[in-house]
Amino acid sequence: QVQLVESGGGLAPPGGSLRLSCVASGFAFSSFLMVWYRQAPGRECELVAAITSNGGVTHYGDSVRGRFTISRDNAKNSVYLQMNSLEPEDTAVYYCNTDDIWLRPPQANCLMTPIIFGSWGQGTQVTVSS
């Protein structure tokens, strides 16, 4: 079955950096786009970044553009999110996933978004605080 394992979250100071990783299994990773979402307490799910199957096209949400970089390594079935110049507003649980629709708008609750395989990982907590 589809499995997604996110890692790399933690506590970072404002202006700091973190690199999130996601290892996927159970589907043809190199054939699917990948997406990073985030969910902050009391806030709606946000699509943070997306990347096409071959990595040739990327998209960023307005709030992270210029600070975050999405990348992937198809040989390792992995997708990454390099987060620089972190802000307290970046505090959230971050999830990776795949889909068959480019930039499908997420539901208010990330986990209710009807993505292609319907599976979600545990997410990784990012906390930005001094």
N, C-alpha and C. Protein backbone atom coordinates (compact mmCIF):
# COMPACT_ATOMS: atom_id res chain seq x y z
N GLN A 1 0.84 -1.18 0.00
CA GLN A 1 0.00 0.00 0.00
C GLN A 1 0.88 1.24 0.00
N VAL A 2 0.26 2.38 -0.28
CA VAL A 2 1.00 3.64 -0.34
C VAL A 2 1.42 4.04 1.07
N GLN A 3 2.69 4.36 1.20
CA GLN A 3 3.21 4.87 2.47
C GLN A 3 4.02 6.13 2.20
N LEU A 4 3.88 7.10 3.09
CA LEU A 4 4.60 8.36 3.01
C LEU A 4 5.16 8.63 4.40
N VAL A 5 6.47 8.83 4.47
CA VAL A 5 7.12 9.05 5.76
C VAL A 5 7.87 10.37 5.70
N GLU A 6 7.36 11.35 6.44
CA GLU A 6 7.99 12.66 6.50
C GLU A 6 8.94 12.73 7.68
N SER A 7 10.00 13.50 7.52
CA SER A 7 10.97 13.70 8.59
C SER A 7 11.66 15.03 8.40
N GLY A 8 12.43 15.41 9.42
CA GLY A 8 13.24 16.62 9.32
C GLY A 8 12.69 17.83 10.03
N GLY A 9 11.50 17.72 10.56
CA GLY A 9 10.94 18.85 11.30
C GLY A 9 11.64 19.04 12.63
N GLY A 10 11.26 20.10 13.32
CA GLY A 10 11.84 20.39 14.61
C GLY A 10 11.65 21.84 14.97
N LEU A 11 12.45 22.30 15.91
CA LEU A 11 12.40 23.68 16.37
C LEU A 11 13.51 24.49 15.70
N ALA A 12 13.15 25.62 15.13
CA ALA A 12 14.12 26.48 14.49
C ALA A 12 13.84 27.93 14.89
N PRO A 13 14.85 28.76 14.99
CA PRO A 13 14.63 30.16 15.31
C PRO A 13 14.16 30.92 14.07
N PRO A 14 13.50 32.05 14.27
CA PRO A 14 13.17 32.89 13.12
C PRO A 14 14.44 33.22 12.33
N GLY A 15 14.34 33.10 11.01
CA GLY A 15 15.50 33.30 10.16
C GLY A 15 16.31 32.04 9.92
N GLY A 16 15.98 30.98 10.65
CA GLY A 16 16.71 29.73 10.50
C GLY A 16 16.25 28.90 9.32
N SER A 17 16.81 27.69 9.23
CA SER A 17 16.53 26.80 8.11
C SER A 17 16.24 25.39 8.61
N LEU A 18 15.44 24.68 7.86
CA LEU A 18 15.19 23.26 8.06
C LEU A 18 15.05 22.61 6.69
N ARG A 19 15.36 21.33 6.63
CA ARG A 19 15.16 20.57 5.39
C ARG A 19 14.28 19.37 5.71
N LEU A 20 13.12 19.35 5.11
CA LEU A 20 12.20 18.25 5.28
C LEU A 20 12.44 17.20 4.19
N SER A 21 12.25 15.94 4.58
CA SER A 21 12.37 14.83 3.64
C SER A 21 11.10 13.99 3.69
N CYS A 22 10.80 13.36 2.59
CA CYS A 22 9.64 12.46 2.51
C CYS A 22 10.04 11.27 1.65
N VAL A 23 9.92 10.09 2.21
CA VAL A 23 10.17 8.87 1.46
C VAL A 23 8.83 8.21 1.16
N ALA A 24 8.63 7.89 -0.10
CA ALA A 24 7.35 7.32 -0.54
C ALA A 24 7.54 5.88 -1.02
N SER A 25 6.50 5.09 -0.88
CA SER A 25 6.53 3.72 -1.39
C SER A 25 5.11 3.29 -1.73
N GLY A 26 5.02 2.22 -2.52
CA GLY A 26 3.71 1.66 -2.85
C GLY A 26 3.09 2.19 -4.13
N PHE A 27 3.80 3.05 -4.84
CA PHE A 27 3.31 3.53 -6.13
C PHE A 27 4.52 3.91 -6.98
N ALA A 28 4.28 4.14 -8.26
CA ALA A 28 5.37 4.46 -9.20
C ALA A 28 5.78 5.92 -9.00
N PHE A 29 6.64 6.14 -8.03
CA PHE A 29 6.99 7.48 -7.59
C PHE A 29 7.40 8.39 -8.75
N SER A 30 8.22 7.89 -9.64
CA SER A 30 8.76 8.74 -10.71
C SER A 30 7.71 9.17 -11.73
N SER A 31 6.51 8.61 -11.63
CA SER A 31 5.45 8.95 -12.58
C SER A 31 4.46 9.97 -12.03
N PHE A 32 4.63 10.37 -10.80
CA PHE A 32 3.63 11.22 -10.15
C PHE A 32 4.22 12.52 -9.63
N LEU A 33 3.41 13.56 -9.71
CA LEU A 33 3.78 14.81 -9.08
C LEU A 33 3.76 14.62 -7.56
N MET A 34 4.47 15.49 -6.86
CA MET A 34 4.50 15.45 -5.41
C MET A 34 4.20 16.84 -4.86
N VAL A 35 3.61 16.84 -3.69
CA VAL A 35 3.15 18.10 -3.08
C VAL A 35 3.53 18.12 -1.61
N TRP A 36 3.88 19.27 -1.11
CA TRP A 36 4.00 19.52 0.32
C TRP A 36 2.82 20.40 0.74
N TYR A 37 2.13 19.97 1.79
CA TYR A 37 1.05 20.74 2.40
C TYR A 37 1.46 21.07 3.84
N ARG A 38 0.78 22.03 4.42
CA ARG A 38 0.97 22.27 5.84
C ARG A 38 -0.35 22.64 6.50
N GLN A 39 -0.44 22.32 7.79
CA GLN A 39 -1.65 22.60 8.58
C GLN A 39 -1.21 23.18 9.91
N ALA A 40 -1.56 24.41 10.14
CA ALA A 40 -1.29 25.07 11.42
C ALA A 40 -2.55 25.02 12.28
N PRO A 41 -2.39 25.01 13.60
CA PRO A 41 -3.56 24.95 14.48
C PRO A 41 -4.54 26.08 14.19
N GLY A 42 -5.80 25.74 14.01
CA GLY A 42 -6.82 26.74 13.78
C GLY A 42 -6.82 27.36 12.40
N ARG A 43 -5.96 26.87 11.52
CA ARG A 43 -5.88 27.44 10.17
C ARG A 43 -6.16 26.37 9.13
N GLU A 44 -6.59 26.81 7.96
CA GLU A 44 -6.88 25.87 6.88
C GLU A 44 -5.58 25.31 6.28
N CYS A 45 -5.72 24.15 5.70
CA CYS A 45 -4.61 23.52 5.01
C CYS A 45 -4.10 24.43 3.89
N GLU A 46 -2.79 24.43 3.73
CA GLU A 46 -2.17 25.25 2.69
C GLU A 46 -1.29 24.38 1.81
N LEU A 47 -1.42 24.55 0.52
CA LEU A 47 -0.51 23.89 -0.42
C LEU A 47 0.76 24.72 -0.45
N VAL A 48 1.84 24.16 0.01
CA VAL A 48 3.09 24.90 0.16
C VAL A 48 3.90 24.90 -1.13
N ALA A 49 4.07 23.71 -1.71
CA ALA A 49 4.90 23.59 -2.90
C ALA A 49 4.54 22.31 -3.63
N ALA A 50 4.76 22.30 -4.93
CA ALA A 50 4.49 21.13 -5.75
C ALA A 50 5.58 20.99 -6.80
N ILE A 51 5.78 19.75 -7.24
CA ILE A 51 6.81 19.48 -8.25
C ILE A 51 6.30 18.40 -9.19
N THR A 52 6.57 18.54 -10.47
CA THR A 52 6.13 17.55 -11.43
C THR A 52 6.96 16.27 -11.33
N SER A 53 6.53 15.26 -12.03
CA SER A 53 7.14 13.94 -11.88
C SER A 53 8.63 13.93 -12.20
N ASN A 54 9.05 14.71 -13.19
CA ASN A 54 10.48 14.73 -13.54
C ASN A 54 11.22 15.90 -12.91
N GLY A 55 10.52 16.65 -12.09
CA GLY A 55 11.15 17.78 -11.42
C GLY A 55 11.30 19.02 -12.26
N GLY A 56 10.77 19.00 -13.47
CA GLY A 56 10.99 20.10 -14.38
C GLY A 56 10.19 21.36 -14.09
N VAL A 57 9.09 21.20 -13.39
CA VAL A 57 8.24 22.35 -13.07
C VAL A 57 7.93 22.33 -11.57
N THR A 58 8.02 23.49 -10.96
CA THR A 58 7.70 23.62 -9.55
C THR A 58 6.71 24.76 -9.34
N HIS A 59 6.02 24.71 -8.23
CA HIS A 59 5.07 25.77 -7.87
C HIS A 59 5.21 26.02 -6.37
N TYR A 60 5.06 27.28 -5.99
CA TYR A 60 5.14 27.65 -4.58
C TYR A 60 3.96 28.52 -4.19
N GLY A 61 3.49 28.33 -2.95
CA GLY A 61 2.47 29.23 -2.43
C GLY A 61 3.06 30.61 -2.22
N ASP A 62 2.22 31.61 -2.27
CA ASP A 62 2.70 32.98 -2.16
C ASP A 62 3.46 33.23 -0.86
N SER A 63 3.05 32.57 0.21
CA SER A 63 3.66 32.84 1.51
C SER A 63 5.06 32.27 1.66
N VAL A 64 5.47 31.36 0.76
CA VAL A 64 6.79 30.74 0.90
C VAL A 64 7.68 30.97 -0.30
N ARG A 65 7.14 31.55 -1.35
CA ARG A 65 7.93 31.74 -2.58
C ARG A 65 9.16 32.59 -2.29
N GLY A 66 10.30 32.11 -2.76
CA GLY A 66 11.55 32.81 -2.54
C GLY A 66 12.28 32.36 -1.27
N ARG A 67 11.58 31.61 -0.42
CA ARG A 67 12.20 31.13 0.81
C ARG A 67 12.33 29.61 0.85
N PHE A 68 11.38 28.91 0.24
CA PHE A 68 11.36 27.45 0.24
C PHE A 68 11.72 26.93 -1.15
N THR A 69 12.33 25.74 -1.18
CA THR A 69 12.65 25.08 -2.44
C THR A 69 12.26 23.61 -2.36
N ILE A 70 11.46 23.18 -3.31
CA ILE A 70 11.07 21.77 -3.40
C ILE A 70 11.98 21.08 -4.41
N SER A 71 12.34 19.84 -4.12
CA SER A 71 13.15 19.05 -5.04
C SER A 71 12.80 17.58 -4.83
N ARG A 72 13.28 16.75 -5.73
CA ARG A 72 13.00 15.32 -5.62
C ARG A 72 14.17 14.52 -6.16
N ASP A 73 14.26 13.28 -5.69
CA ASP A 73 15.25 12.33 -6.17
C ASP A 73 14.47 11.05 -6.50
N ASN A 74 14.19 10.84 -7.76
CA ASN A 74 13.37 9.69 -8.14
C ASN A 74 14.08 8.37 -7.87
N ALA A 75 15.39 8.37 -7.86
CA ALA A 75 16.14 7.14 -7.57
C ALA A 75 15.95 6.73 -6.11
N LYS A 76 15.63 7.69 -5.26
CA LYS A 76 15.45 7.40 -3.83
C LYS A 76 13.99 7.49 -3.40
N ASN A 77 13.09 7.65 -4.37
CA ASN A 77 11.67 7.79 -4.04
C ASN A 77 11.45 8.85 -2.97
N SER A 78 12.12 9.97 -3.12
CA SER A 78 12.10 10.98 -2.08
C SER A 78 11.83 12.37 -2.65
N VAL A 79 11.16 13.16 -1.83
CA VAL A 79 10.92 14.55 -2.14
C VAL A 79 11.37 15.36 -0.92
N TYR A 80 11.88 16.56 -1.18
CA TYR A 80 12.46 17.37 -0.13
C TYR A 80 11.85 18.78 -0.14
N LEU A 81 11.95 19.43 1.00
CA LEU A 81 11.54 20.83 1.10
C LEU A 81 12.59 21.56 1.91
N GLN A 82 13.41 22.36 1.22
CA GLN A 82 14.40 23.19 1.90
C GLN A 82 13.71 24.48 2.31
N MET A 83 13.73 24.77 3.59
CA MET A 83 13.03 25.94 4.13
C MET A 83 14.05 26.89 4.73
N ASN A 84 14.17 28.04 4.15
CA ASN A 84 15.09 29.07 4.63
C ASN A 84 14.31 30.29 5.10
N SER A 85 15.00 31.15 5.82
CA SER A 85 14.38 32.39 6.32
C SER A 85 13.04 32.10 6.99
N LEU A 86 13.06 31.13 7.86
CA LEU A 86 11.82 30.70 8.50
C LEU A 86 11.21 31.82 9.34
N GLU A 87 9.88 31.82 9.35
CA GLU A 87 9.10 32.80 10.09
C GLU A 87 8.18 32.07 11.06
N PRO A 88 7.78 32.72 12.15
CA PRO A 88 6.85 32.05 13.08
C PRO A 88 5.59 31.54 12.40
N GLU A 89 5.17 32.23 11.35
CA GLU A 89 3.98 31.82 10.62
C GLU A 89 4.17 30.50 9.86
N ASP A 90 5.39 30.03 9.76
CA ASP A 90 5.65 28.74 9.11
C ASP A 90 5.40 27.56 10.05
N THR A 91 5.13 27.84 11.31
CA THR A 91 4.86 26.79 12.27
C THR A 91 3.62 26.01 11.86
N ALA A 92 3.78 24.70 11.71
CA ALA A 92 2.68 23.85 11.23
C ALA A 92 3.15 22.41 11.19
N VAL A 93 2.22 21.51 10.95
CA VAL A 93 2.55 20.13 10.60
C VAL A 93 2.63 20.08 9.08
N TYR A 94 3.73 19.54 8.58
CA TYR A 94 3.97 19.47 7.14
C TYR A 94 3.76 18.03 6.66
N TYR A 95 3.01 17.91 5.58
CA TYR A 95 2.72 16.61 4.97
C TYR A 95 3.18 16.61 3.53
N CYS A 96 3.69 15.48 3.07
CA CYS A 96 3.92 15.30 1.64
C CYS A 96 2.86 14.34 1.11
N ASN A 97 2.59 14.45 -0.17
CA ASN A 97 1.68 13.51 -0.80
C ASN A 97 1.82 13.60 -2.31
N THR A 98 1.14 12.69 -2.97
CA THR A 98 1.10 12.70 -4.42
C THR A 98 -0.33 12.92 -4.87
N ASP A 99 -0.51 13.19 -6.12
CA ASP A 99 -1.84 13.41 -6.65
C ASP A 99 -1.80 13.23 -8.16
N ASP A 100 -2.99 13.21 -8.76
CA ASP A 100 -3.06 13.13 -10.22
C ASP A 100 -3.58 14.44 -10.82
N ILE A 101 -3.84 15.43 -9.98
CA ILE A 101 -4.30 16.73 -10.45
C ILE A 101 -3.32 17.78 -9.96
N TRP A 102 -2.74 18.52 -10.91
CA TRP A 102 -1.77 19.56 -10.58
C TRP A 102 -2.45 20.68 -9.82
N LEU A 103 -1.92 20.99 -8.64
CA LEU A 103 -2.40 22.09 -7.81
C LEU A 103 -3.89 21.93 -7.43
N ARG A 104 -4.28 20.70 -7.12
CA ARG A 104 -5.63 20.49 -6.58
C ARG A 104 -5.76 21.29 -5.29
N PRO A 105 -6.78 22.14 -5.15
CA PRO A 105 -6.95 22.90 -3.91
C PRO A 105 -7.22 21.95 -2.74
N PRO A 106 -6.51 22.10 -1.65
CA PRO A 106 -6.76 21.21 -0.51
C PRO A 106 -8.04 21.57 0.22
N GLN A 107 -8.56 20.61 0.96
CA GLN A 107 -9.67 20.88 1.86
C GLN A 107 -9.14 21.66 3.07
N ALA A 108 -10.04 22.19 3.86
CA ALA A 108 -9.64 22.94 5.05
C ALA A 108 -8.76 22.08 5.96
N ASN A 109 -9.13 20.83 6.09
CA ASN A 109 -8.32 19.84 6.79
C ASN A 109 -7.53 19.08 5.74
N CYS A 110 -6.21 19.17 5.80
CA CYS A 110 -5.39 18.50 4.77
C CYS A 110 -5.80 17.05 4.58
N LEU A 111 -6.05 16.36 5.68
CA LEU A 111 -6.28 14.93 5.63
C LEU A 111 -7.61 14.58 4.95
N MET A 112 -8.45 15.57 4.70
CA MET A 112 -9.73 15.33 4.01
C MET A 112 -9.62 15.61 2.52
N THR A 113 -8.47 16.03 2.05
CA THR A 113 -8.29 16.31 0.63
C THR A 113 -8.35 15.00 -0.15
N PRO A 114 -9.17 14.91 -1.18
CA PRO A 114 -9.35 13.65 -1.91
C PRO A 114 -8.22 13.37 -2.90
N ILE A 115 -7.00 13.24 -2.41
CA ILE A 115 -5.86 12.96 -3.28
C ILE A 115 -5.95 11.53 -3.78
N ILE A 116 -5.18 11.23 -4.80
CA ILE A 116 -5.39 10.04 -5.62
C ILE A 116 -5.41 8.74 -4.83
N PHE A 117 -4.48 8.52 -3.92
CA PHE A 117 -4.42 7.23 -3.23
C PHE A 117 -5.06 7.26 -1.85
N GLY A 118 -5.40 8.43 -1.37
CA GLY A 118 -6.13 8.53 -0.11
C GLY A 118 -5.33 8.23 1.14
N SER A 119 -4.01 8.11 1.01
CA SER A 119 -3.18 7.80 2.17
C SER A 119 -2.38 9.02 2.57
N TRP A 120 -2.19 9.16 3.86
CA TRP A 120 -1.39 10.26 4.40
C TRP A 120 -0.37 9.72 5.40
N GLY A 121 0.76 10.37 5.46
CA GLY A 121 1.73 10.04 6.46
C GLY A 121 1.39 10.70 7.78
N GLN A 122 2.30 10.60 8.72
CA GLN A 122 2.08 11.18 10.05
C GLN A 122 2.40 12.67 10.08
N GLY A 123 3.06 13.14 9.06
CA GLY A 123 3.48 14.54 9.04
C GLY A 123 4.70 14.77 9.91
N THR A 124 5.27 15.95 9.77
CA THR A 124 6.40 16.33 10.61
C THR A 124 6.16 17.75 11.12
N GLN A 125 6.34 17.94 12.40
CA GLN A 125 6.06 19.23 13.04
C GLN A 125 7.22 20.18 12.86
N VAL A 126 6.92 21.37 12.39
CA VAL A 126 7.89 22.46 12.30
C VAL A 126 7.43 23.57 13.23
N THR A 127 8.31 23.96 14.11
CA THR A 127 8.01 25.05 15.05
C THR A 127 9.09 26.11 14.91
N VAL A 128 8.67 27.32 14.60
CA VAL A 128 9.61 28.44 14.44
C VAL A 128 9.38 29.40 15.60
N SER A 129 10.36 29.46 16.46
CA SER A 129 10.23 30.27 17.66
C SER A 129 11.61 30.58 18.23
N SER A 130 11.71 31.73 18.85
CA SER A 130 12.96 32.08 19.52
C SER A 130 12.93 31.63 20.97
